Amino acid sequence: MYLEIQQRAKDGITILDLYGKLVLGPEDLLLREWMLSLLTQGVHNIILNLERVSTIDTAGLGTLVNCAGAAGSCGGKVALVSLVPAQDGVLNILQLNIQLEVYSEEADAVNSFFPGRRAVKYDILDFVENLKGR
């Protein structure tokens, strides 16, 4: 299954629902191009919903970091939501010391874009500890 992207909005925040694999090749290029298009259009605050992403390799991780950096350089940000522990390569992602905003719930990710709204950040270290305890 290749990467498919569907775009929607919630409270004025653009959400990209990703389906399939985020891996080296046409998949990571599709996301990079989609993000570049949004940034060029002036859309700088974006949520990437990873709930239906089955695999993320190192190229996919690089794309996520690149997207976050590109949005940040435009004065915006990228938030990740629904990182599924069963995804191949997720443990590699979690072991890296990278500043990505990750949320378990979409509502928390959306709220993170609005000062004063409650946004519960996903604690990656707690998540890893819970995985080790299983």
C-alpha atoms as a PDB file:
ATOM      1  CA  MET A   1       0.000   0.000   0.000  1.00  0.00           C
ATOM      2  CA  TYR A   2       1.383   3.387  -1.007  1.00  0.00           C
ATOM      3  CA  LEU A   3       0.869   6.624   0.865  1.00  0.00           C
ATOM      4  CA  GLU A   4      -2.472   8.354   0.449  1.00  0.00           C
ATOM      5  CA  ILE A   5      -3.189  11.787   1.896  1.00  0.00           C
ATOM      6  CA  GLN A   6      -6.568  13.309   2.629  1.00  0.00           C
ATOM      7  CA  GLN A   7      -6.835  16.926   3.713  1.00  0.00           C
ATOM      8  CA  ARG A   8      -9.436  18.422   6.021  1.00  0.00           C
ATOM      9  CA  ALA A   9      -9.695  21.252   8.543  1.00  0.00           C
ATOM     10  CA  LYS A  10     -10.801  21.549  12.141  1.00  0.00           C
ATOM     11  CA  ASP A  11     -11.078  24.901  13.927  1.00  0.00           C
ATOM     12  CA  GLY A  12      -9.082  26.453  11.093  1.00  0.00           C
ATOM     13  CA  ILE A  13      -6.165  24.020  11.464  1.00  0.00           C
ATOM     14  CA  THR A  14      -5.251  21.910   8.439  1.00  0.00           C
ATOM     15  CA  ILE A  15      -5.176  18.180   9.150  1.00  0.00           C
ATOM     16  CA  LEU A  16      -3.560  15.687   6.818  1.00  0.00           C
ATOM     17  CA  ASP A  17      -4.782  12.129   7.322  1.00  0.00           C
ATOM     18  CA  LEU A  18      -2.070   9.782   6.088  1.00  0.00           C
ATOM     19  CA  TYR A  19      -2.857   6.231   4.965  1.00  0.00           C
ATOM     20  CA  GLY A  20      -0.303   3.557   4.088  1.00  0.00           C
ATOM     21  CA  LYS A  21       3.457   3.703   4.395  1.00  0.00           C
ATOM     22  CA  LEU A  22       5.710   6.690   4.995  1.00  0.00           C
ATOM     23  CA  VAL A  23       8.892   5.315   3.482  1.00  0.00           C
ATOM     24  CA  LEU A  24      11.680   6.279   1.080  1.00  0.00           C
ATOM     25  CA  GLY A  25      10.445   6.811  -2.457  1.00  0.00           C
ATOM     26  CA  PRO A  26       7.248   8.231  -3.897  1.00  0.00           C
ATOM     27  CA  GLU A  27       5.638   8.115  -0.441  1.00  0.00           C
ATOM     28  CA  ASP A  28       7.948  10.515   1.382  1.00  0.00           C
ATOM     29  CA  LEU A  29       8.184  12.727  -1.711  1.00  0.00           C
ATOM     30  CA  LEU A  30       4.389  12.993  -1.840  1.00  0.00           C
ATOM     31  CA  LEU A  31       4.241  14.263   1.738  1.00  0.00           C
ATOM     32  CA  ARG A  32       7.119  16.707   1.175  1.00  0.00           C
ATOM     33  CA  GLU A  33       5.451  18.107  -1.959  1.00  0.00           C
ATOM     34  CA  TRP A  34       2.049  18.346  -0.242  1.00  0.00           C
ATOM     35  CA  MET A  35       3.611  20.211   2.675  1.00  0.00           C
ATOM     36  CA  LEU A  36       5.529  22.564   0.358  1.00  0.00           C
ATOM     37  CA  SER A  37       2.292  23.322  -1.467  1.00  0.00           C
ATOM     38  CA  LEU A  38       0.508  24.142   1.802  1.00  0.00           C
ATOM     39  CA  LEU A  39       3.352  26.341   3.041  1.00  0.00           C
ATOM     40  CA  THR A  40       3.460  28.163  -0.303  1.00  0.00           C
ATOM     41  CA  GLN A  41      -0.286  28.826   0.054  1.00  0.00           C
ATOM     42  CA  GLY A  42       0.280  30.363   3.497  1.00  0.00           C
ATOM     43  CA  VAL A  43      -0.915  27.366   5.519  1.00  0.00           C
ATOM     44  CA  HIS A  44       1.652  27.092   8.317  1.00  0.00           C
ATOM     45  CA  ASN A  45      -0.144  25.203  11.108  1.00  0.00           C
ATOM     46  CA  ILE A  46      -0.636  21.560  10.233  1.00  0.00           C
ATOM     47  CA  ILE A  47      -1.508  18.331  12.005  1.00  0.00           C
ATOM     48  CA  LEU A  48      -0.302  15.036  10.562  1.00  0.00           C
ATOM     49  CA  ASN A  49      -2.629  12.209  11.594  1.00  0.00           C
ATOM     50  CA  LEU A  50      -0.522   9.021  11.569  1.00  0.00           C
ATOM     51  CA  GLU A  51      -3.197   6.659  12.883  1.00  0.00           C
ATOM     52  CA  ARG A  52      -3.426   4.707   9.626  1.00  0.00           C
ATOM     53  CA  VAL A  53       0.278   4.731   8.757  1.00  0.00           C
ATOM     54  CA  SER A  54       1.520   1.155   8.881  1.00  0.00           C
ATOM     55  CA  THR A  55       5.247   1.792   8.451  1.00  0.00           C
ATOM     56  CA  ILE A  56       7.635   4.678   9.003  1.00  0.00           C
ATOM     57  CA  ASP A  57      11.264   4.198   7.976  1.00  0.00           C
ATOM     58  CA  THR A  58      14.188   6.548   8.536  1.00  0.00           C
ATOM     59  CA  ALA A  59      13.362   8.477   5.355  1.00  0.00           C
ATOM     60  CA  GLY A  60       9.807   8.908   6.635  1.00  0.00           C
ATOM     61  CA  LEU A  61      11.156  10.136   9.951  1.00  0.00           C
ATOM     62  CA  GLY A  62      13.389  12.583   8.085  1.00  0.00           C
ATOM     63  CA  THR A  63      10.359  13.826   6.182  1.00  0.00           C
ATOM     64  CA  LEU A  64       8.455  14.416   9.433  1.00  0.00           C
ATOM     65  CA  VAL A  65      11.385  16.378  10.868  1.00  0.00           C
ATOM     66  CA  ASN A  66      11.771  18.300   7.596  1.00  0.00           C
ATOM     67  CA  CYS A  67       8.055  19.192   7.589  1.00  0.00           C
ATOM     68  CA  ALA A  68       8.225  20.433  11.183  1.00  0.00           C
ATOM     69  CA  GLY A  69      11.307  22.520  10.412  1.00  0.00           C
ATOM     70  CA  ALA A  70       9.819  24.014   7.259  1.00  0.00           C
ATOM     71  CA  ALA A  71       6.621  25.022   9.048  1.00  0.00           C
ATOM     72  CA  GLY A  72       8.641  26.442  11.944  1.00  0.00           C
ATOM     73  CA  SER A  73      10.702  28.584   9.592  1.00  0.00           C
ATOM     74  CA  CYS A  74       7.428  30.079   8.323  1.00  0.00           C
ATOM     75  CA  GLY A  75       6.250  30.874  11.850  1.00  0.00           C
ATOM     76  CA  GLY A  76       3.991  27.829  12.116  1.00  0.00           C
ATOM     77  CA  LYS A  77       4.275  24.309  13.423  1.00  0.00           C
ATOM     78  CA  VAL A  78       3.501  20.689  12.676  1.00  0.00           C
ATOM     79  CA  ALA A  79       1.925  18.457  15.298  1.00  0.00           C
ATOM     80  CA  LEU A  80       1.783  14.673  15.023  1.00  0.00           C
ATOM     81  CA  VAL A  81      -1.226  12.765  16.280  1.00  0.00           C
ATOM     82  CA  SER A  82      -2.045   9.093  16.818  1.00  0.00           C
ATOM     83  CA  LEU A  83       1.400   7.589  16.582  1.00  0.00           C
ATOM     84  CA  VAL A  84       0.552   3.866  16.720  1.00  0.00           C
ATOM     85  CA  PRO A  85       3.022   1.673  18.644  1.00  0.00           C
ATOM     86  CA  ALA A  86       2.551  -1.246  16.265  1.00  0.00           C
ATOM     87  CA  GLN A  87       4.047   0.699  13.354  1.00  0.00           C
ATOM     88  CA  ASP A  88       7.342  -0.662  12.059  1.00  0.00           C
ATOM     89  CA  GLY A  89      10.133   1.676  13.017  1.00  0.00           C
ATOM     90  CA  VAL A  90       8.183   3.532  15.711  1.00  0.00           C
ATOM     91  CA  LEU A  91      10.613   2.441  18.402  1.00  0.00           C
ATOM     92  CA  ASN A  92      13.421   3.944  16.348  1.00  0.00           C
ATOM     93  CA  ILE A  93      11.471   7.182  16.172  1.00  0.00           C
ATOM     94  CA  LEU A  94      10.837   7.219  19.905  1.00  0.00           C
ATOM     95  CA  GLN A  95      14.472   6.577  20.765  1.00  0.00           C
ATOM     96  CA  LEU A  96      15.680   9.629  18.871  1.00  0.00           C
ATOM     97  CA  ASN A  97      16.000  12.905  20.697  1.00  0.00           C
ATOM     98  CA  ILE A  98      14.036  15.054  18.259  1.00  0.00           C
ATOM     99  CA  GLN A  99      11.730  17.913  19.104  1.00  0.00           C
ATOM    100  CA  LEU A 100       8.477  16.855  17.481  1.00  0.00           C
ATOM    101  CA  GLU A 101       5.147  17.685  19.081  1.00  0.00           C
ATOM    102  CA  VAL A 102       3.256  14.411  19.427  1.00  0.00           C
ATOM    103  CA  TYR A 103      -0.285  14.057  20.781  1.00  0.00           C
ATOM    104  CA  SER A 104      -2.387  10.974  21.375  1.00  0.00           C
ATOM    105  CA  GLU A 105      -5.704  12.724  20.662  1.00  0.00           C
ATOM    106  CA  GLU A 106      -6.615  14.950  17.736  1.00  0.00           C
ATOM    107  CA  ALA A 107      -8.451  17.410  19.985  1.00  0.00           C
ATOM    108  CA  ASP A 108      -5.286  17.932  22.041  1.00  0.00           C
ATOM    109  CA  ALA A 109      -3.266  18.518  18.869  1.00  0.00           C
ATOM    110  CA  VAL A 110      -5.801  21.084  17.625  1.00  0.00           C
ATOM    111  CA  ASN A 111      -5.874  22.802  21.026  1.00  0.00           C
ATOM    112  CA  SER A 112      -2.085  23.115  20.988  1.00  0.00           C
ATOM    113  CA  PHE A 113      -2.415  25.783  18.289  1.00  0.00           C
ATOM    114  CA  PHE A 114      -4.534  28.032  20.526  1.00  0.00           C
ATOM    115  CA  PRO A 115      -3.005  29.749  23.563  1.00  0.00           C
ATOM    116  CA  GLY A 116      -5.173  29.197  26.609  1.00  0.00           C
ATOM    117  CA  ARG A 117      -6.675  25.950  25.406  1.00  0.00           C
ATOM    118  CA  ARG A 118      -5.675  22.819  27.249  1.00  0.00           C
ATOM    119  CA  ALA A 119      -3.374  20.600  25.194  1.00  0.00           C
ATOM    120  CA  VAL A 120      -2.022  17.435  26.767  1.00  0.00           C
ATOM    121  CA  LYS A 121       1.336  16.625  25.199  1.00  0.00           C
ATOM    122  CA  TYR A 122       2.092  13.003  24.549  1.00  0.00           C
ATOM    123  CA  ASP A 123       4.970  12.003  26.827  1.00  0.00           C
ATOM    124  CA  ILE A 124       7.231   9.820  24.696  1.00  0.00           C
ATOM    125  CA  LEU A 125       9.341   8.675  27.652  1.00  0.00           C
ATOM    126  CA  ASP A 126       6.246   7.433  29.514  1.00  0.00           C
ATOM    127  CA  PHE A 127       5.148   5.640  26.364  1.00  0.00           C
ATOM    128  CA  VAL A 128       8.507   3.848  26.017  1.00  0.00           C
ATOM    129  CA  GLU A 129       8.469   2.889  29.699  1.00  0.00           C
ATOM    130  CA  ASN A 130       4.969   1.446  29.302  1.00  0.00           C
ATOM    131  CA  LEU A 131       6.120  -0.595  26.307  1.00  0.00           C
ATOM    132  CA  LYS A 132       9.044  -1.978  28.286  1.00  0.00           C
ATOM    133  CA  GLY A 133       6.696  -3.003  31.106  1.00  0.00           C
ATOM    134  CA  ARG A 134       4.507  -5.104  28.807  1.00  0.00           C
END
